[in-house]
Amino acid sequence: MRFLLPLLLLTLLNSPVNADSDDSGNSYNSDNWRVAKAAKLIKKERYAKALKQLRKAVKKDSKNADAWNLLGFASRKTGDLETSADAYSKALSLEPEHKGALEYQGELFITQGAIDKAKANLATLTTLCPSGCDERSKLEQALAKLQ
């Protein structure tokens, strides 16, 4: 029994430690881990904390369309529509067919009263999802509430 403790310590000291891992022990590079963490915070409506993670993620990897999209979403939810618009534009410049960014940007357009722009995003989603998809359905619902 007294040999177990030193053996356990030796095992722990020789094991690689990765601070960037999720609850299941999967490891990620920092920016993807931050995006996943931010997504969890967004689900809990903890937008300010999510924004901190997302700002760090896009600083590390400015070509991560998912991070820009979530940055736009969290910014919109906190009322920072200018940052939101910039983030969605960046996400779509990186990935023009990013369905999430098209949906969320369309919702931002509705908030801003730019209904024609929201309808243009819906038209793009209709082309991308001819059989339907969640993003298309959600933007259709948001536009239908206006009538």
N, C-alpha and C. Protein backbone atom coordinates (compact mmCIF):
# COMPACT_ATOMS: atom_id res chain seq x y z
N MET A 1 0.82 -1.19 0.00
CA MET A 1 0.00 0.00 0.00
C MET A 1 0.86 1.26 0.00
N ARG A 2 1.97 1.25 0.78
CA ARG A 2 2.79 2.45 0.85
C ARG A 2 3.56 2.69 -0.45
N PHE A 3 3.60 1.70 -1.34
CA PHE A 3 4.24 1.88 -2.64
C PHE A 3 3.29 2.50 -3.67
N LEU A 4 2.01 2.45 -3.38
CA LEU A 4 1.02 2.97 -4.33
C LEU A 4 1.09 4.48 -4.47
N LEU A 5 1.26 5.20 -3.38
CA LEU A 5 1.30 6.65 -3.45
C LEU A 5 2.47 7.14 -4.31
N PRO A 6 3.71 6.68 -4.07
CA PRO A 6 4.80 7.13 -4.95
C PRO A 6 4.56 6.73 -6.41
N LEU A 7 3.99 5.57 -6.64
CA LEU A 7 3.71 5.13 -8.00
C LEU A 7 2.67 6.03 -8.66
N LEU A 8 1.65 6.39 -7.89
CA LEU A 8 0.62 7.29 -8.40
C LEU A 8 1.21 8.66 -8.71
N LEU A 9 2.03 9.19 -7.83
CA LEU A 9 2.67 10.48 -8.07
C LEU A 9 3.58 10.44 -9.29
N LEU A 10 4.33 9.37 -9.43
CA LEU A 10 5.21 9.22 -10.57
C LEU A 10 4.41 9.18 -11.87
N THR A 11 3.30 8.47 -11.86
CA THR A 11 2.43 8.38 -13.03
C THR A 11 1.88 9.75 -13.39
N LEU A 12 1.41 10.49 -12.38
CA LEU A 12 0.86 11.82 -12.63
C LEU A 12 1.92 12.79 -13.15
N LEU A 13 3.10 12.72 -12.59
CA LEU A 13 4.17 13.63 -13.02
C LEU A 13 4.64 13.33 -14.44
N ASN A 14 4.55 12.09 -14.85
CA ASN A 14 5.00 11.73 -16.19
C ASN A 14 3.89 11.79 -17.25
N SER A 15 2.66 12.10 -16.83
CA SER A 15 1.55 12.20 -17.77
C SER A 15 1.51 13.58 -18.37
N PRO A 16 1.24 13.69 -19.68
CA PRO A 16 1.10 15.02 -20.27
C PRO A 16 -0.16 15.68 -19.72
N VAL A 17 -0.04 16.94 -19.39
CA VAL A 17 -1.17 17.69 -18.87
C VAL A 17 -1.64 18.63 -19.96
N ASN A 18 -2.93 18.60 -20.23
CA ASN A 18 -3.50 19.49 -21.22
C ASN A 18 -4.64 20.26 -20.57
N ALA A 19 -4.41 21.54 -20.35
CA ALA A 19 -5.43 22.35 -19.69
C ALA A 19 -6.62 22.60 -20.60
N ASP A 20 -6.44 22.44 -21.88
CA ASP A 20 -7.51 22.69 -22.83
C ASP A 20 -8.23 21.40 -23.15
N SER A 21 -9.13 21.00 -22.26
CA SER A 21 -9.90 19.80 -22.51
C SER A 21 -11.31 20.02 -22.02
N ASP A 22 -12.24 19.24 -22.57
CA ASP A 22 -13.62 19.37 -22.13
C ASP A 22 -13.89 18.37 -21.01
N ASP A 23 -15.14 18.28 -20.60
CA ASP A 23 -15.50 17.41 -19.48
C ASP A 23 -15.22 15.94 -19.75
N SER A 24 -15.19 15.55 -21.01
CA SER A 24 -14.95 14.15 -21.34
C SER A 24 -13.47 13.84 -21.47
N GLY A 25 -12.61 14.85 -21.32
CA GLY A 25 -11.18 14.62 -21.42
C GLY A 25 -10.64 14.83 -22.82
N ASN A 26 -11.51 15.16 -23.78
CA ASN A 26 -11.03 15.42 -25.13
C ASN A 26 -10.24 16.71 -25.13
N SER A 27 -9.13 16.72 -25.83
CA SER A 27 -8.33 17.94 -25.88
C SER A 27 -8.55 18.65 -27.20
N TYR A 28 -8.41 19.96 -27.14
CA TYR A 28 -8.61 20.81 -28.31
C TYR A 28 -7.50 21.84 -28.32
N ASN A 29 -7.27 22.45 -29.47
CA ASN A 29 -6.38 23.59 -29.41
C ASN A 29 -7.17 24.73 -28.77
N SER A 30 -6.49 25.73 -28.27
CA SER A 30 -7.12 26.74 -27.42
C SER A 30 -8.32 27.42 -28.05
N ASP A 31 -8.21 27.82 -29.30
CA ASP A 31 -9.30 28.57 -29.89
C ASP A 31 -10.56 27.72 -30.05
N ASN A 32 -10.44 26.47 -30.45
CA ASN A 32 -11.62 25.60 -30.56
C ASN A 32 -12.21 25.30 -29.20
N TRP A 33 -11.38 25.12 -28.21
CA TRP A 33 -11.86 24.90 -26.85
C TRP A 33 -12.63 26.12 -26.36
N ARG A 34 -12.11 27.28 -26.66
CA ARG A 34 -12.78 28.51 -26.24
C ARG A 34 -14.14 28.66 -26.91
N VAL A 35 -14.21 28.30 -28.18
CA VAL A 35 -15.48 28.39 -28.92
C VAL A 35 -16.49 27.42 -28.30
N ALA A 36 -16.06 26.21 -27.99
CA ALA A 36 -16.95 25.23 -27.37
C ALA A 36 -17.41 25.72 -26.00
N LYS A 37 -16.51 26.29 -25.23
CA LYS A 37 -16.86 26.83 -23.92
C LYS A 37 -17.84 27.98 -24.07
N ALA A 38 -17.59 28.85 -25.03
CA ALA A 38 -18.49 29.99 -25.27
C ALA A 38 -19.88 29.51 -25.68
N ALA A 39 -19.94 28.47 -26.50
CA ALA A 39 -21.24 27.93 -26.92
C ALA A 39 -22.03 27.44 -25.71
N LYS A 40 -21.35 26.81 -24.76
CA LYS A 40 -22.02 26.35 -23.54
C LYS A 40 -22.51 27.55 -22.72
N LEU A 41 -21.71 28.59 -22.64
CA LEU A 41 -22.10 29.78 -21.90
C LEU A 41 -23.30 30.46 -22.57
N ILE A 42 -23.30 30.48 -23.89
CA ILE A 42 -24.42 31.08 -24.62
C ILE A 42 -25.71 30.31 -24.34
N LYS A 43 -25.64 29.00 -24.30
CA LYS A 43 -26.83 28.20 -23.98
C LYS A 43 -27.39 28.56 -22.61
N LYS A 44 -26.50 28.98 -21.72
CA LYS A 44 -26.92 29.38 -20.37
C LYS A 44 -27.23 30.88 -20.30
N GLU A 45 -27.21 31.55 -21.46
CA GLU A 45 -27.47 32.98 -21.58
C GLU A 45 -26.46 33.82 -20.79
N ARG A 46 -25.24 33.35 -20.71
CA ARG A 46 -24.15 34.07 -20.03
C ARG A 46 -23.28 34.71 -21.11
N TYR A 47 -23.88 35.70 -21.77
CA TYR A 47 -23.28 36.29 -22.97
C TYR A 47 -21.98 37.04 -22.69
N ALA A 48 -21.91 37.77 -21.60
CA ALA A 48 -20.69 38.54 -21.30
C ALA A 48 -19.49 37.62 -21.13
N LYS A 49 -19.67 36.50 -20.43
CA LYS A 49 -18.57 35.55 -20.26
C LYS A 49 -18.23 34.87 -21.58
N ALA A 50 -19.26 34.59 -22.38
CA ALA A 50 -19.01 34.00 -23.70
C ALA A 50 -18.20 34.95 -24.56
N LEU A 51 -18.53 36.22 -24.51
CA LEU A 51 -17.80 37.21 -25.31
C LEU A 51 -16.32 37.24 -24.97
N LYS A 52 -15.98 37.10 -23.70
CA LYS A 52 -14.56 37.08 -23.30
C LYS A 52 -13.84 35.92 -23.99
N GLN A 53 -14.46 34.75 -23.99
CA GLN A 53 -13.86 33.58 -24.62
C GLN A 53 -13.75 33.78 -26.14
N LEU A 54 -14.80 34.32 -26.72
CA LEU A 54 -14.82 34.48 -28.18
C LEU A 54 -13.83 35.52 -28.66
N ARG A 55 -13.68 36.58 -27.91
CA ARG A 55 -12.67 37.60 -28.29
C ARG A 55 -11.27 36.99 -28.30
N LYS A 56 -11.00 36.16 -27.30
CA LYS A 56 -9.70 35.49 -27.26
C LYS A 56 -9.57 34.50 -28.42
N ALA A 57 -10.65 33.81 -28.74
CA ALA A 57 -10.61 32.81 -29.82
C ALA A 57 -10.33 33.47 -31.16
N VAL A 58 -11.00 34.58 -31.46
CA VAL A 58 -10.78 35.22 -32.76
C VAL A 58 -9.43 35.94 -32.81
N LYS A 59 -8.93 36.32 -31.65
CA LYS A 59 -7.59 36.92 -31.62
C LYS A 59 -6.54 35.86 -31.97
N LYS A 60 -6.75 34.64 -31.46
CA LYS A 60 -5.81 33.53 -31.74
C LYS A 60 -5.97 33.01 -33.16
N ASP A 61 -7.21 32.95 -33.63
CA ASP A 61 -7.48 32.40 -34.96
C ASP A 61 -8.53 33.27 -35.64
N SER A 62 -8.06 34.26 -36.37
CA SER A 62 -8.97 35.22 -36.99
C SER A 62 -9.72 34.64 -38.19
N LYS A 63 -9.44 33.39 -38.53
CA LYS A 63 -10.12 32.76 -39.67
C LYS A 63 -11.13 31.71 -39.23
N ASN A 64 -11.57 31.77 -37.98
CA ASN A 64 -12.53 30.82 -37.44
C ASN A 64 -13.94 31.40 -37.59
N ALA A 65 -14.63 30.99 -38.65
CA ALA A 65 -15.97 31.53 -38.94
C ALA A 65 -16.96 31.22 -37.82
N ASP A 66 -16.84 30.06 -37.20
CA ASP A 66 -17.74 29.71 -36.11
C ASP A 66 -17.57 30.66 -34.92
N ALA A 67 -16.33 31.00 -34.61
CA ALA A 67 -16.07 31.93 -33.51
C ALA A 67 -16.64 33.31 -33.82
N TRP A 68 -16.44 33.77 -35.06
CA TRP A 68 -16.99 35.07 -35.46
C TRP A 68 -18.52 35.05 -35.39
N ASN A 69 -19.12 33.96 -35.83
CA ASN A 69 -20.58 33.85 -35.80
C ASN A 69 -21.10 33.94 -34.37
N LEU A 70 -20.50 33.19 -33.46
CA LEU A 70 -20.94 33.23 -32.07
C LEU A 70 -20.64 34.57 -31.42
N LEU A 71 -19.54 35.20 -31.82
CA LEU A 71 -19.24 36.54 -31.33
C LEU A 71 -20.35 37.51 -31.76
N GLY A 72 -20.81 37.35 -33.00
CA GLY A 72 -21.92 38.18 -33.47
C GLY A 72 -23.19 37.93 -32.69
N PHE A 73 -23.48 36.66 -32.42
CA PHE A 73 -24.69 36.29 -31.69
C PHE A 73 -24.66 36.87 -30.27
N ALA A 74 -23.57 36.62 -29.55
CA ALA A 74 -23.47 37.10 -28.16
C ALA A 74 -23.48 38.62 -28.11
N SER A 75 -22.84 39.26 -29.07
CA SER A 75 -22.85 40.73 -29.12
C SER A 75 -24.27 41.25 -29.35
N ARG A 76 -24.99 40.61 -30.25
CA ARG A 76 -26.38 41.02 -30.52
C ARG A 76 -27.23 40.86 -29.27
N LYS A 77 -27.04 39.77 -28.55
CA LYS A 77 -27.83 39.52 -27.35
C LYS A 77 -27.53 40.51 -26.23
N THR A 78 -26.33 41.11 -26.25
CA THR A 78 -25.99 42.11 -25.24
C THR A 78 -26.30 43.52 -25.73
N GLY A 79 -26.84 43.64 -26.94
CA GLY A 79 -27.24 44.95 -27.46
C GLY A 79 -26.17 45.67 -28.26
N ASP A 80 -25.02 45.05 -28.45
CA ASP A 80 -23.94 45.67 -29.24
C ASP A 80 -24.13 45.28 -30.70
N LEU A 81 -25.04 45.98 -31.37
CA LEU A 81 -25.40 45.62 -32.73
C LEU A 81 -24.30 45.92 -33.75
N GLU A 82 -23.50 46.91 -33.48
CA GLU A 82 -22.40 47.24 -34.40
C GLU A 82 -21.36 46.12 -34.42
N THR A 83 -20.95 45.66 -33.25
CA THR A 83 -20.00 44.55 -33.17
C THR A 83 -20.61 43.29 -33.77
N SER A 84 -21.90 43.09 -33.50
CA SER A 84 -22.60 41.94 -34.04
C SER A 84 -22.55 41.94 -35.56
N ALA A 85 -22.89 43.07 -36.16
CA ALA A 85 -22.88 43.19 -37.62
C ALA A 85 -21.49 42.92 -38.19
N ASP A 86 -20.49 43.50 -37.56
CA ASP A 86 -19.11 43.29 -38.02
C ASP A 86 -18.71 41.82 -37.93
N ALA A 87 -19.09 41.17 -36.84
CA ALA A 87 -18.72 39.76 -36.63
C ALA A 87 -19.41 38.85 -37.65
N TYR A 88 -20.69 39.08 -37.92
CA TYR A 88 -21.38 38.27 -38.93
C TYR A 88 -20.77 38.49 -40.31
N SER A 89 -20.44 39.73 -40.62
CA SER A 89 -19.80 40.02 -41.91
C SER A 89 -18.47 39.29 -42.04
N LYS A 90 -17.71 39.27 -40.95
CA LYS A 90 -16.42 38.58 -40.97
C LYS A 90 -16.63 37.07 -41.14
N ALA A 91 -17.59 36.50 -40.42
CA ALA A 91 -17.87 35.06 -40.54
C ALA A 91 -18.25 34.72 -41.98
N LEU A 92 -19.09 35.56 -42.58
CA LEU A 92 -19.54 35.27 -43.95
C LEU A 92 -18.47 35.57 -44.99
N SER A 93 -17.55 36.47 -44.70
CA SER A 93 -16.45 36.68 -45.63
C SER A 93 -15.52 35.47 -45.64
N LEU A 94 -15.41 34.80 -44.50
CA LEU A 94 -14.58 33.61 -44.40
C LEU A 94 -15.29 32.38 -44.97
N GLU A 95 -16.59 32.31 -44.73
CA GLU A 95 -17.38 31.16 -45.14
C GLU A 95 -18.76 31.65 -45.62
N PRO A 96 -18.86 32.03 -46.90
CA PRO A 96 -20.08 32.65 -47.41
C PRO A 96 -21.35 31.80 -47.26
N GLU A 97 -21.21 30.51 -47.11
CA GLU A 97 -22.38 29.64 -46.96
C GLU A 97 -22.57 29.17 -45.51
N HIS A 98 -22.08 29.93 -44.57
CA HIS A 98 -22.22 29.59 -43.15
C HIS A 98 -23.68 29.81 -42.76
N LYS A 99 -24.40 28.71 -42.62
CA LYS A 99 -25.85 28.79 -42.39
C LYS A 99 -26.19 29.50 -41.08
N GLY A 100 -25.43 29.25 -40.04
CA GLY A 100 -25.70 29.91 -38.76
C GLY A 100 -25.53 31.42 -38.86
N ALA A 101 -24.46 31.86 -39.51
CA ALA A 101 -24.23 33.29 -39.67
C ALA A 101 -25.30 33.93 -40.54
N LEU A 102 -25.73 33.22 -41.57
CA LEU A 102 -26.81 33.75 -42.42
C LEU A 102 -28.11 33.92 -41.63
N GLU A 103 -28.43 32.94 -40.81
CA GLU A 103 -29.64 33.04 -39.98
C GLU A 103 -29.53 34.19 -38.98
N TYR A 104 -28.45 34.22 -38.21
CA TYR A 104 -28.29 35.22 -37.16
C TYR A 104 -28.18 36.63 -37.74
N GLN A 105 -27.48 36.75 -38.86
CA GLN A 105 -27.39 38.05 -39.50
C GLN A 105 -28.77 38.50 -39.98
N GLY A 106 -29.55 37.54 -40.49
CA GLY A 106 -30.93 37.85 -40.89
C GLY A 106 -31.75 38.35 -39.71
N GLU A 107 -31.58 37.74 -38.56
CA GLU A 107 -32.28 38.19 -37.36
C GLU A 107 -31.82 39.58 -36.95
N LEU A 108 -30.54 39.85 -37.10
CA LEU A 108 -30.03 41.19 -36.83
C LEU A 108 -30.67 42.19 -37.79
N PHE A 109 -30.75 41.84 -39.06
CA PHE A 109 -31.38 42.72 -40.04
C PHE A 109 -32.82 43.03 -39.65
N ILE A 110 -33.54 42.03 -39.16
CA ILE A 110 -34.92 42.25 -38.71
C ILE A 110 -34.94 43.27 -37.57
N THR A 111 -34.04 43.09 -36.61
CA THR A 111 -33.94 44.01 -35.48
C THR A 111 -33.69 45.44 -35.96
N GLN A 112 -32.90 45.56 -37.01
CA GLN A 112 -32.54 46.88 -37.54
C GLN A 112 -33.58 47.42 -38.52
N GLY A 113 -34.60 46.62 -38.83
CA GLY A 113 -35.63 47.06 -39.77
C GLY A 113 -35.25 46.87 -41.22
N ALA A 114 -34.16 46.16 -41.48
CA ALA A 114 -33.69 45.91 -42.85
C ALA A 114 -34.29 44.59 -43.35
N ILE A 115 -35.58 44.60 -43.54
CA ILE A 115 -36.32 43.39 -43.88
C ILE A 115 -35.89 42.80 -45.22
N ASP A 116 -35.61 43.66 -46.19
CA ASP A 116 -35.17 43.15 -47.50
C ASP A 116 -33.86 42.38 -47.39
N LYS A 117 -32.96 42.86 -46.52
CA LYS A 117 -31.69 42.15 -46.32
C LYS A 117 -31.94 40.81 -45.63
N ALA A 118 -32.85 40.78 -44.67
CA ALA A 118 -33.19 39.52 -44.00
C ALA A 118 -33.77 38.53 -45.00
N LYS A 119 -34.61 39.04 -45.90
CA LYS A 119 -35.20 38.17 -46.92
C LYS A 119 -34.13 37.66 -47.90
N ALA A 120 -33.12 38.48 -48.16
CA ALA A 120 -32.03 38.03 -49.02
C ALA A 120 -31.26 36.89 -48.35
N ASN A 121 -31.05 37.00 -47.04
CA ASN A 121 -30.39 35.90 -46.31
C ASN A 121 -31.25 34.65 -46.36
N LEU A 122 -32.57 34.83 -46.23
CA LEU A 122 -33.47 33.68 -46.30
C LEU A 122 -33.41 33.04 -47.69
N ALA A 123 -33.31 33.85 -48.73
CA ALA A 123 -33.20 33.31 -50.09
C ALA A 123 -31.92 32.48 -50.23
N THR A 124 -30.84 32.96 -49.64
CA THR A 124 -29.58 32.20 -49.68
C THR A 124 -29.74 30.89 -48.93
N LEU A 125 -30.38 30.93 -47.76
CA LEU A 125 -30.60 29.70 -46.99
C LEU A 125 -31.52 28.74 -47.75
N THR A 126 -32.48 29.27 -48.48
CA THR A 126 -33.38 28.42 -49.27
C THR A 126 -32.59 27.70 -50.37
N THR A 127 -31.63 28.39 -50.95
CA THR A 127 -30.77 27.76 -51.96
C THR A 127 -29.87 26.71 -51.32
N LEU A 128 -29.33 27.03 -50.15
CA LEU A 128 -28.43 26.10 -49.46
C LEU A 128 -29.18 24.90 -48.88
N CYS A 129 -30.42 25.11 -48.50
CA CYS A 129 -31.22 24.07 -47.84
C CYS A 129 -32.56 23.90 -48.58
N PRO A 130 -32.55 23.39 -49.79
CA PRO A 130 -33.81 23.29 -50.53
C PRO A 130 -34.84 22.39 -49.85
N SER A 131 -34.38 21.42 -49.08
CA SER A 131 -35.29 20.54 -48.35
C SER A 131 -35.56 21.05 -46.93
N GLY A 132 -34.96 22.17 -46.59
CA GLY A 132 -35.14 22.76 -45.27
C GLY A 132 -33.97 22.46 -44.36
N CYS A 133 -33.80 23.33 -43.38
CA CYS A 133 -32.79 23.16 -42.32
C CYS A 133 -33.22 24.06 -41.16
N ASP A 134 -32.64 23.83 -40.01
CA ASP A 134 -33.03 24.60 -38.82
C ASP A 134 -32.84 26.10 -39.03
N GLU A 135 -31.72 26.48 -39.62
CA GLU A 135 -31.42 27.90 -39.80
C GLU A 135 -32.47 28.56 -40.70
N ARG A 136 -32.81 27.89 -41.75
CA ARG A 136 -33.84 28.41 -42.66
C ARG A 136 -35.18 28.54 -41.93
N SER A 137 -35.57 27.51 -41.21
CA SER A 137 -36.85 27.51 -40.49
C SER A 137 -36.91 28.64 -39.46
N LYS A 138 -35.83 28.84 -38.74
CA LYS A 138 -35.81 29.87 -37.70
C LYS A 138 -35.91 31.28 -38.30
N LEU A 139 -35.22 31.49 -39.41
CA LEU A 139 -35.30 32.80 -40.04
C LEU A 139 -36.69 33.02 -40.67
N GLU A 140 -37.26 31.97 -41.25
CA GLU A 140 -38.64 32.07 -41.77
C GLU A 140 -39.59 32.43 -40.65
N GLN A 141 -39.45 31.80 -39.50
CA GLN A 141 -40.32 32.09 -38.35
C GLN A 141 -40.15 33.53 -37.87
N ALA A 142 -38.91 33.98 -37.82
CA ALA A 142 -38.66 35.36 -37.38
C ALA A 142 -39.29 36.36 -38.34
N LEU A 143 -39.22 36.10 -39.63
CA LEU A 143 -39.84 36.98 -40.62
C LEU A 143 -41.37 36.89 -40.55
N ALA A 144 -41.89 35.70 -40.31
CA ALA A 144 -43.36 35.51 -40.24
C ALA A 144 -43.96 36.30 -39.06
N LYS A 145 -43.19 36.49 -37.99
CA LYS A 145 -43.69 37.24 -36.83
C LYS A 145 -43.95 38.70 -37.17
N LEU A 146 -43.37 39.18 -38.26
CA LEU A 146 -43.55 40.58 -38.65
C LEU A 146 -44.90 40.83 -39.30
N GLN A 147 -45.55 39.78 -39.75
CA GLN A 147 -46.81 39.95 -40.48
C GLN A 147 -48.01 39.83 -39.61
